[in-house]
Amino acid sequence: MGLMRKRTYYMKRQPARGTLVRNDDRVAEVLGGARGNRVMIRSVHGDGTTRITAVKWQNLAALGASLFE
């Protein structure tokens, strides 16, 4: 049998400001809405830099019960 993959629950509507979400392998904070179906997020990358980017909110996943799942 293959490896079991954990199910990812994506957002069904735009997350509220201040919500913690998962974007790929990073945890990010939602800063607010942007143009179209996008939201502004703040994330900390592996090298320690903080970046603010606009991403489609449909690509954000809800954070699980634990921060380090």
PDB file of N, CA and C in Angstrom:
ATOM      1  N   MET A   1       0.827  -1.181   0.000  1.00  0.00           N
ATOM      2  CA  MET A   1       0.000   0.000   0.000  1.00  0.00           C
ATOM      3  C   MET A   1       0.869   1.241   0.000  1.00  0.00           C
ATOM      4  N   GLY A   2       0.335   2.322  -0.517  1.00  0.00           N
ATOM      5  CA  GLY A   2       1.051   3.596  -0.565  1.00  0.00           C
ATOM      6  C   GLY A   2       0.985   4.335   0.764  1.00  0.00           C
ATOM      7  N   LEU A   3       1.676   5.424   0.799  1.00  0.00           N
ATOM      8  CA  LEU A   3       1.668   6.254   1.996  1.00  0.00           C
ATOM      9  C   LEU A   3       0.322   6.945   2.147  1.00  0.00           C
ATOM     10  N   MET A   4      -0.121   7.061   3.375  1.00  0.00           N
ATOM     11  CA  MET A   4      -1.367   7.771   3.650  1.00  0.00           C
ATOM     12  C   MET A   4      -1.065   9.266   3.693  1.00  0.00           C
ATOM     13  N   ARG A   5      -1.793  10.044   2.948  1.00  0.00           N
ATOM     14  CA  ARG A   5      -1.616  11.503   2.957  1.00  0.00           C
ATOM     15  C   ARG A   5      -2.675  12.128   3.842  1.00  0.00           C
ATOM     16  N   LYS A   6      -2.261  13.119   4.594  1.00  0.00           N
ATOM     17  CA  LYS A   6      -3.195  13.819   5.455  1.00  0.00           C
ATOM     18  C   LYS A   6      -4.095  14.698   4.591  1.00  0.00           C
ATOM     19  N   ARG A   7      -5.368  14.692   4.891  1.00  0.00           N
ATOM     20  CA  ARG A   7      -6.317  15.480   4.123  1.00  0.00           C
ATOM     21  C   ARG A   7      -6.175  16.961   4.468  1.00  0.00           C
ATOM     22  N   THR A   8      -6.169  17.803   3.454  1.00  0.00           N
ATOM     23  CA  THR A   8      -6.066  19.244   3.644  1.00  0.00           C
ATOM     24  C   THR A   8      -7.431  19.867   3.420  1.00  0.00           C
ATOM     25  N   TYR A   9      -7.864  20.681   4.358  1.00  0.00           N
ATOM     26  CA  TYR A   9      -9.151  21.353   4.249  1.00  0.00           C
ATOM     27  C   TYR A   9      -8.922  22.787   3.799  1.00  0.00           C
ATOM     28  N   TYR A  10      -9.319  23.088   2.571  1.00  0.00           N
ATOM     29  CA  TYR A  10      -9.135  24.421   2.026  1.00  0.00           C
ATOM     30  C   TYR A  10     -10.296  25.315   2.440  1.00  0.00           C
ATOM     31  N   MET A  11     -10.070  26.608   2.385  1.00  0.00           N
ATOM     32  CA  MET A  11     -11.069  27.592   2.787  1.00  0.00           C
ATOM     33  C   MET A  11     -12.253  27.585   1.824  1.00  0.00           C
ATOM     34  N   LYS A  12     -13.465  27.732   2.360  1.00  0.00           N
ATOM     35  CA  LYS A  12     -14.664  27.812   1.532  1.00  0.00           C
ATOM     36  C   LYS A  12     -15.110  29.249   1.337  1.00  0.00           C
ATOM     37  N   ARG A  13     -14.574  30.154   2.147  1.00  0.00           N
ATOM     38  CA  ARG A  13     -14.842  31.580   1.981  1.00  0.00           C
ATOM     39  C   ARG A  13     -13.622  32.354   2.445  1.00  0.00           C
ATOM     40  N   GLN A  14     -13.608  33.624   2.140  1.00  0.00           N
ATOM     41  CA  GLN A  14     -12.438  34.445   2.468  1.00  0.00           C
ATOM     42  C   GLN A  14     -12.232  34.485   3.977  1.00  0.00           C
ATOM     43  N   PRO A  15     -11.018  34.183   4.441  1.00  0.00           N
ATOM     44  CA  PRO A  15     -10.754  34.184   5.883  1.00  0.00           C
ATOM     45  C   PRO A  15     -10.761  35.600   6.457  1.00  0.00           C
ATOM     46  N   ALA A  16     -11.092  35.699   7.730  1.00  0.00           N
ATOM     47  CA  ALA A  16     -11.135  36.995   8.409  1.00  0.00           C
ATOM     48  C   ALA A  16      -9.722  37.504   8.676  1.00  0.00           C
ATOM     49  N   ARG A  17      -9.619  38.788   8.885  1.00  0.00           N
ATOM     50  CA  ARG A  17      -8.331  39.416   9.177  1.00  0.00           C
ATOM     51  C   ARG A  17      -7.775  38.878  10.495  1.00  0.00           C
ATOM     52  N   GLY A  18      -6.482  38.546  10.507  1.00  0.00           N
ATOM     53  CA  GLY A  18      -5.838  38.022  11.706  1.00  0.00           C
ATOM     54  C   GLY A  18      -5.868  36.510  11.824  1.00  0.00           C
ATOM     55  N   THR A  19      -6.532  35.818  10.900  1.00  0.00           N
ATOM     56  CA  THR A  19      -6.621  34.365  10.926  1.00  0.00           C
ATOM     57  C   THR A  19      -5.280  33.742  10.547  1.00  0.00           C
ATOM     58  N   LEU A  20      -4.884  32.682  11.253  1.00  0.00           N
ATOM     59  CA  LEU A  20      -3.686  31.928  10.884  1.00  0.00           C
ATOM     60  C   LEU A  20      -4.085  30.838   9.905  1.00  0.00           C
ATOM     61  N   VAL A  21      -3.384  30.753   8.790  1.00  0.00           N
ATOM     62  CA  VAL A  21      -3.678  29.782   7.740  1.00  0.00           C
ATOM     63  C   VAL A  21      -2.384  29.116   7.300  1.00  0.00           C
ATOM     64  N   ARG A  22      -2.520  28.041   6.536  1.00  0.00           N
ATOM     65  CA  ARG A  22      -1.361  27.352   5.980  1.00  0.00           C
ATOM     66  C   ARG A  22      -1.319  27.626   4.481  1.00  0.00           C
ATOM     67  N   ASN A  23      -0.152  28.070   4.009  1.00  0.00           N
ATOM     68  CA  ASN A  23       0.087  28.325   2.594  1.00  0.00           C
ATOM     69  C   ASN A  23       1.299  27.495   2.196  1.00  0.00           C
ATOM     70  N   ASP A  24       1.074  26.427   1.436  1.00  0.00           N
ATOM     71  CA  ASP A  24       2.112  25.444   1.117  1.00  0.00           C
ATOM     72  C   ASP A  24       2.679  24.889   2.422  1.00  0.00           C
ATOM     73  N   ASP A  25       3.962  25.091   2.677  1.00  0.00           N
ATOM     74  CA  ASP A  25       4.571  24.548   3.894  1.00  0.00           C
ATOM     75  C   ASP A  25       4.755  25.616   4.964  1.00  0.00           C
ATOM     76  N   ARG A  26       4.180  26.795   4.766  1.00  0.00           N
ATOM     77  CA  ARG A  26       4.345  27.903   5.711  1.00  0.00           C
ATOM     78  C   ARG A  26       3.040  28.222   6.423  1.00  0.00           C
ATOM     79  N   VAL A  27       3.170  28.729   7.635  1.00  0.00           N
ATOM     80  CA  VAL A  27       2.028  29.264   8.367  1.00  0.00           C
ATOM     81  C   VAL A  27       2.036  30.763   8.149  1.00  0.00           C
ATOM     82  N   ALA A  28       0.867  31.320   7.833  1.00  0.00           N
ATOM     83  CA  ALA A  28       0.786  32.743   7.513  1.00  0.00           C
ATOM     84  C   ALA A  28      -0.370  33.384   8.269  1.00  0.00           C
ATOM     85  N   GLU A  29      -0.302  34.702   8.389  1.00  0.00           N
ATOM     86  CA  GLU A  29      -1.365  35.487   9.010  1.00  0.00           C
ATOM     87  C   GLU A  29      -2.056  36.296   7.922  1.00  0.00           C
ATOM     88  N   VAL A  30      -3.389  36.283   7.911  1.00  0.00           N
ATOM     89  CA  VAL A  30      -4.152  37.053   6.935  1.00  0.00           C
ATOM     90  C   VAL A  30      -4.178  38.511   7.383  1.00  0.00           C
ATOM     91  N   LEU A  31      -3.746  39.408   6.498  1.00  0.00           N
ATOM     92  CA  LEU A  31      -3.715  40.837   6.814  1.00  0.00           C
ATOM     93  C   LEU A  31      -4.967  41.564   6.346  1.00  0.00           C
ATOM     94  N   GLY A  32      -5.611  41.068   5.301  1.00  0.00           N
ATOM     95  CA  GLY A  32      -6.820  41.709   4.787  1.00  0.00           C
ATOM     96  C   GLY A  32      -7.051  41.339   3.337  1.00  0.00           C
ATOM     97  N   GLY A  33      -8.123  41.864   2.786  1.00  0.00           N
ATOM     98  CA  GLY A  33      -8.492  41.567   1.413  1.00  0.00           C
ATOM     99  C   GLY A  33      -7.644  42.335   0.415  1.00  0.00           C
ATOM    100  N   ALA A  34      -7.557  41.803  -0.786  1.00  0.00           N
ATOM    101  CA  ALA A  34      -6.866  42.457  -1.891  1.00  0.00           C
ATOM    102  C   ALA A  34      -7.807  42.424  -3.091  1.00  0.00           C
ATOM    103  N   ARG A  35      -7.316  42.799  -4.229  1.00  0.00           N
ATOM    104  CA  ARG A  35      -8.150  42.854  -5.421  1.00  0.00           C
ATOM    105  C   ARG A  35      -8.549  41.459  -5.895  1.00  0.00           C
ATOM    106  N   GLY A  36      -9.785  41.316  -6.320  1.00  0.00           N
ATOM    107  CA  GLY A  36     -10.266  40.040  -6.837  1.00  0.00           C
ATOM    108  C   GLY A  36     -10.443  39.015  -5.733  1.00  0.00           C
ATOM    109  N   ASN A  37     -10.071  37.781  -6.003  1.00  0.00           N
ATOM    110  CA  ASN A  37     -10.201  36.687  -5.036  1.00  0.00           C
ATOM    111  C   ASN A  37      -8.909  36.481  -4.266  1.00  0.00           C
ATOM    112  N   ARG A  38      -8.257  37.551  -3.887  1.00  0.00           N
ATOM    113  CA  ARG A  38      -6.961  37.454  -3.218  1.00  0.00           C
ATOM    114  C   ARG A  38      -7.003  38.105  -1.849  1.00  0.00           C
ATOM    115  N   VAL A  39      -6.107  37.640  -0.990  1.00  0.00           N
ATOM    116  CA  VAL A  39      -5.912  38.243   0.324  1.00  0.00           C
ATOM    117  C   VAL A  39      -4.422  38.505   0.510  1.00  0.00           C
ATOM    118  N   MET A  40      -4.111  39.474   1.342  1.00  0.00           N
ATOM    119  CA  MET A  40      -2.722  39.768   1.692  1.00  0.00           C
ATOM    120  C   MET A  40      -2.359  38.925   2.906  1.00  0.00           C
ATOM    121  N   ILE A  41      -1.202  38.252   2.834  1.00  0.00           N
ATOM    122  CA  ILE A  41      -0.748  37.438   3.958  1.00  0.00           C
ATOM    123  C   ILE A  41       0.666  37.843   4.344  1.00  0.00           C
ATOM    124  N   ARG A  42       1.005  37.595   5.593  1.00  0.00           N
ATOM    125  CA  ARG A  42       2.373  37.794   6.097  1.00  0.00           C
ATOM    126  C   ARG A  42       2.877  36.429   6.516  1.00  0.00           C
ATOM    127  N   SER A  43       4.027  36.023   5.981  1.00  0.00           N
ATOM    128  CA  SER A  43       4.599  34.727   6.330  1.00  0.00           C
ATOM    129  C   SER A  43       6.088  34.878   6.608  1.00  0.00           C
ATOM    130  N   VAL A  44       6.609  33.976   7.430  1.00  0.00           N
ATOM    131  CA  VAL A  44       8.036  33.946   7.740  1.00  0.00           C
ATOM    132  C   VAL A  44       8.639  32.767   6.987  1.00  0.00           C
ATOM    133  N   HIS A  45       9.663  33.033   6.194  1.00  0.00           N
ATOM    134  CA  HIS A  45      10.284  31.993   5.381  1.00  0.00           C
ATOM    135  C   HIS A  45      11.436  31.333   6.126  1.00  0.00           C
ATOM    136  N   GLY A  46      11.995  30.305   5.549  1.00  0.00           N
ATOM    137  CA  GLY A  46      13.046  29.519   6.182  1.00  0.00           C
ATOM    138  C   GLY A  46      14.290  30.302   6.546  1.00  0.00           C
ATOM    139  N   ASP A  47      14.594  31.334   5.781  1.00  0.00           N
ATOM    140  CA  ASP A  47      15.781  32.141   6.080  1.00  0.00           C
ATOM    141  C   ASP A  47      15.501  33.235   7.108  1.00  0.00           C
ATOM    142  N   GLY A  48      14.288  33.274   7.657  1.00  0.00           N
ATOM    143  CA  GLY A  48      13.952  34.225   8.713  1.00  0.00           C
ATOM    144  C   GLY A  48      13.369  35.537   8.233  1.00  0.00           C
ATOM    145  N   THR A  49      13.245  35.717   6.924  1.00  0.00           N
ATOM    146  CA  THR A  49      12.686  36.964   6.417  1.00  0.00           C
ATOM    147  C   THR A  49      11.161  36.912   6.444  1.00  0.00           C
ATOM    148  N   THR A  50      10.551  38.045   6.725  1.00  0.00           N
ATOM    149  CA  THR A  50       9.096  38.167   6.713  1.00  0.00           C
ATOM    150  C   THR A  50       8.686  38.767   5.382  1.00  0.00           C
ATOM    151  N   ARG A  51       7.723  38.138   4.713  1.00  0.00           N
ATOM    152  CA  ARG A  51       7.271  38.628   3.414  1.00  0.00           C
ATOM    153  C   ARG A  51       5.769  38.829   3.438  1.00  0.00           C
ATOM    154  N   ILE A  52       5.331  39.867   2.758  1.00  0.00           N
ATOM    155  CA  ILE A  52       3.908  40.138   2.600  1.00  0.00           C
ATOM    156  C   ILE A  52       3.580  39.926   1.131  1.00  0.00           C
ATOM    157  N   THR A  53       2.625  39.034   0.856  1.00  0.00           N
ATOM    158  CA  THR A  53       2.272  38.715  -0.520  1.00  0.00           C
ATOM    159  C   THR A  53       0.760  38.625  -0.656  1.00  0.00           C
ATOM    160  N   ALA A  54       0.288  38.740  -1.898  1.00  0.00           N
ATOM    161  CA  ALA A  54      -1.125  38.545  -2.209  1.00  0.00           C
ATOM    162  C   ALA A  54      -1.281  37.153  -2.816  1.00  0.00           C
ATOM    163  N   VAL A  55      -2.174  36.363  -2.257  1.00  0.00           N
ATOM    164  CA  VAL A  55      -2.427  35.011  -2.764  1.00  0.00           C
ATOM    165  C   VAL A  55      -3.928  34.806  -2.903  1.00  0.00           C
ATOM    166  N   LYS A  56      -4.321  33.874  -3.747  1.00  0.00           N
ATOM    167  CA  LYS A  56      -5.737  33.531  -3.861  1.00  0.00           C
ATOM    168  C   LYS A  56      -6.160  32.795  -2.597  1.00  0.00           C
ATOM    169  N   TRP A  57      -7.265  33.230  -2.014  1.00  0.00           N
ATOM    170  CA  TRP A  57      -7.666  32.635  -0.746  1.00  0.00           C
ATOM    171  C   TRP A  57      -8.115  31.195  -0.906  1.00  0.00           C
ATOM    172  N   GLN A  58      -8.467  30.765  -2.113  1.00  0.00           N
ATOM    173  CA  GLN A  58      -8.837  29.365  -2.331  1.00  0.00           C
ATOM    174  C   GLN A  58      -7.644  28.438  -2.145  1.00  0.00           C
ATOM    175  N   ASN A  59      -6.415  28.969  -2.250  1.00  0.00           N
ATOM    176  CA  ASN A  59      -5.208  28.159  -2.078  1.00  0.00           C
ATOM    177  C   ASN A  59      -4.744  28.075  -0.633  1.00  0.00           C
ATOM    178  N   LEU A  60      -5.426  28.758   0.269  1.00  0.00           N
ATOM    179  CA  LEU A  60      -5.066  28.715   1.682  1.00  0.00           C
ATOM    180  C   LEU A  60      -5.799  27.568   2.355  1.00  0.00           C
ATOM    181  N   ALA A  61      -5.118  26.889   3.253  1.00  0.00           N
ATOM    182  CA  ALA A  61      -5.719  25.782   3.992  1.00  0.00           C
ATOM    183  C   ALA A  61      -5.913  26.201   5.440  1.00  0.00           C
ATOM    184  N   ALA A  62      -6.990  25.709   6.029  1.00  0.00           N
ATOM    185  CA  ALA A  62      -7.252  25.993   7.437  1.00  0.00           C
ATOM    186  C   ALA A  62      -6.179  25.333   8.286  1.00  0.00           C
ATOM    187  N   LEU A  63      -5.763  26.022   9.319  1.00  0.00           N
ATOM    188  CA  LEU A  63      -4.784  25.479  10.247  1.00  0.00           C
ATOM    189  C   LEU A  63      -5.465  24.391  11.059  1.00  0.00           C
ATOM    190  N   GLY A  64      -4.789  23.277  11.273  1.00  0.00           N
ATOM    191  CA  GLY A  64      -5.371  22.166  12.016  1.00  0.00           C
ATOM    192  C   GLY A  64      -5.507  22.463  13.496  1.00  0.00           C
ATOM    193  N   ALA A  65      -5.764  21.434  14.269  1.00  0.00           N
ATOM    194  CA  ALA A  65      -5.935  21.592  15.709  1.00  0.00           C
ATOM    195  C   ALA A  65      -4.632  22.000  16.379  1.00  0.00           C
ATOM    196  N   SER A  66      -3.508  21.639  15.767  1.00  0.00           N
ATOM    197  CA  SER A  66      -2.201  21.959  16.334  1.00  0.00           C
ATOM    198  C   SER A  66      -1.390  22.756  15.320  1.00  0.00           C
ATOM    199  N   LEU A  67      -0.561  23.658  15.802  1.00  0.00           N
ATOM    200  CA  LEU A  67       0.244  24.493  14.919  1.00  0.00           C
ATOM    201  C   LEU A  67       1.295  23.678  14.177  1.00  0.00           C
ATOM    202  N   PHE A  68       1.821  22.624  14.808  1.00  0.00           N
ATOM    203  CA  PHE A  68       2.912  21.836  14.225  1.00  0.00           C
ATOM    204  C   PHE A  68       2.443  20.440  13.852  1.00  0.00           C
ATOM    205  N   GLU A  69       1.455  20.327  12.995  1.00  0.00           N
ATOM    206  CA  GLU A  69       0.964  19.020  12.547  1.00  0.00           C
ATOM    207  C   GLU A  69       1.795  18.503  11.415  1.00  0.00           C
TER     208      GLU A  69
END
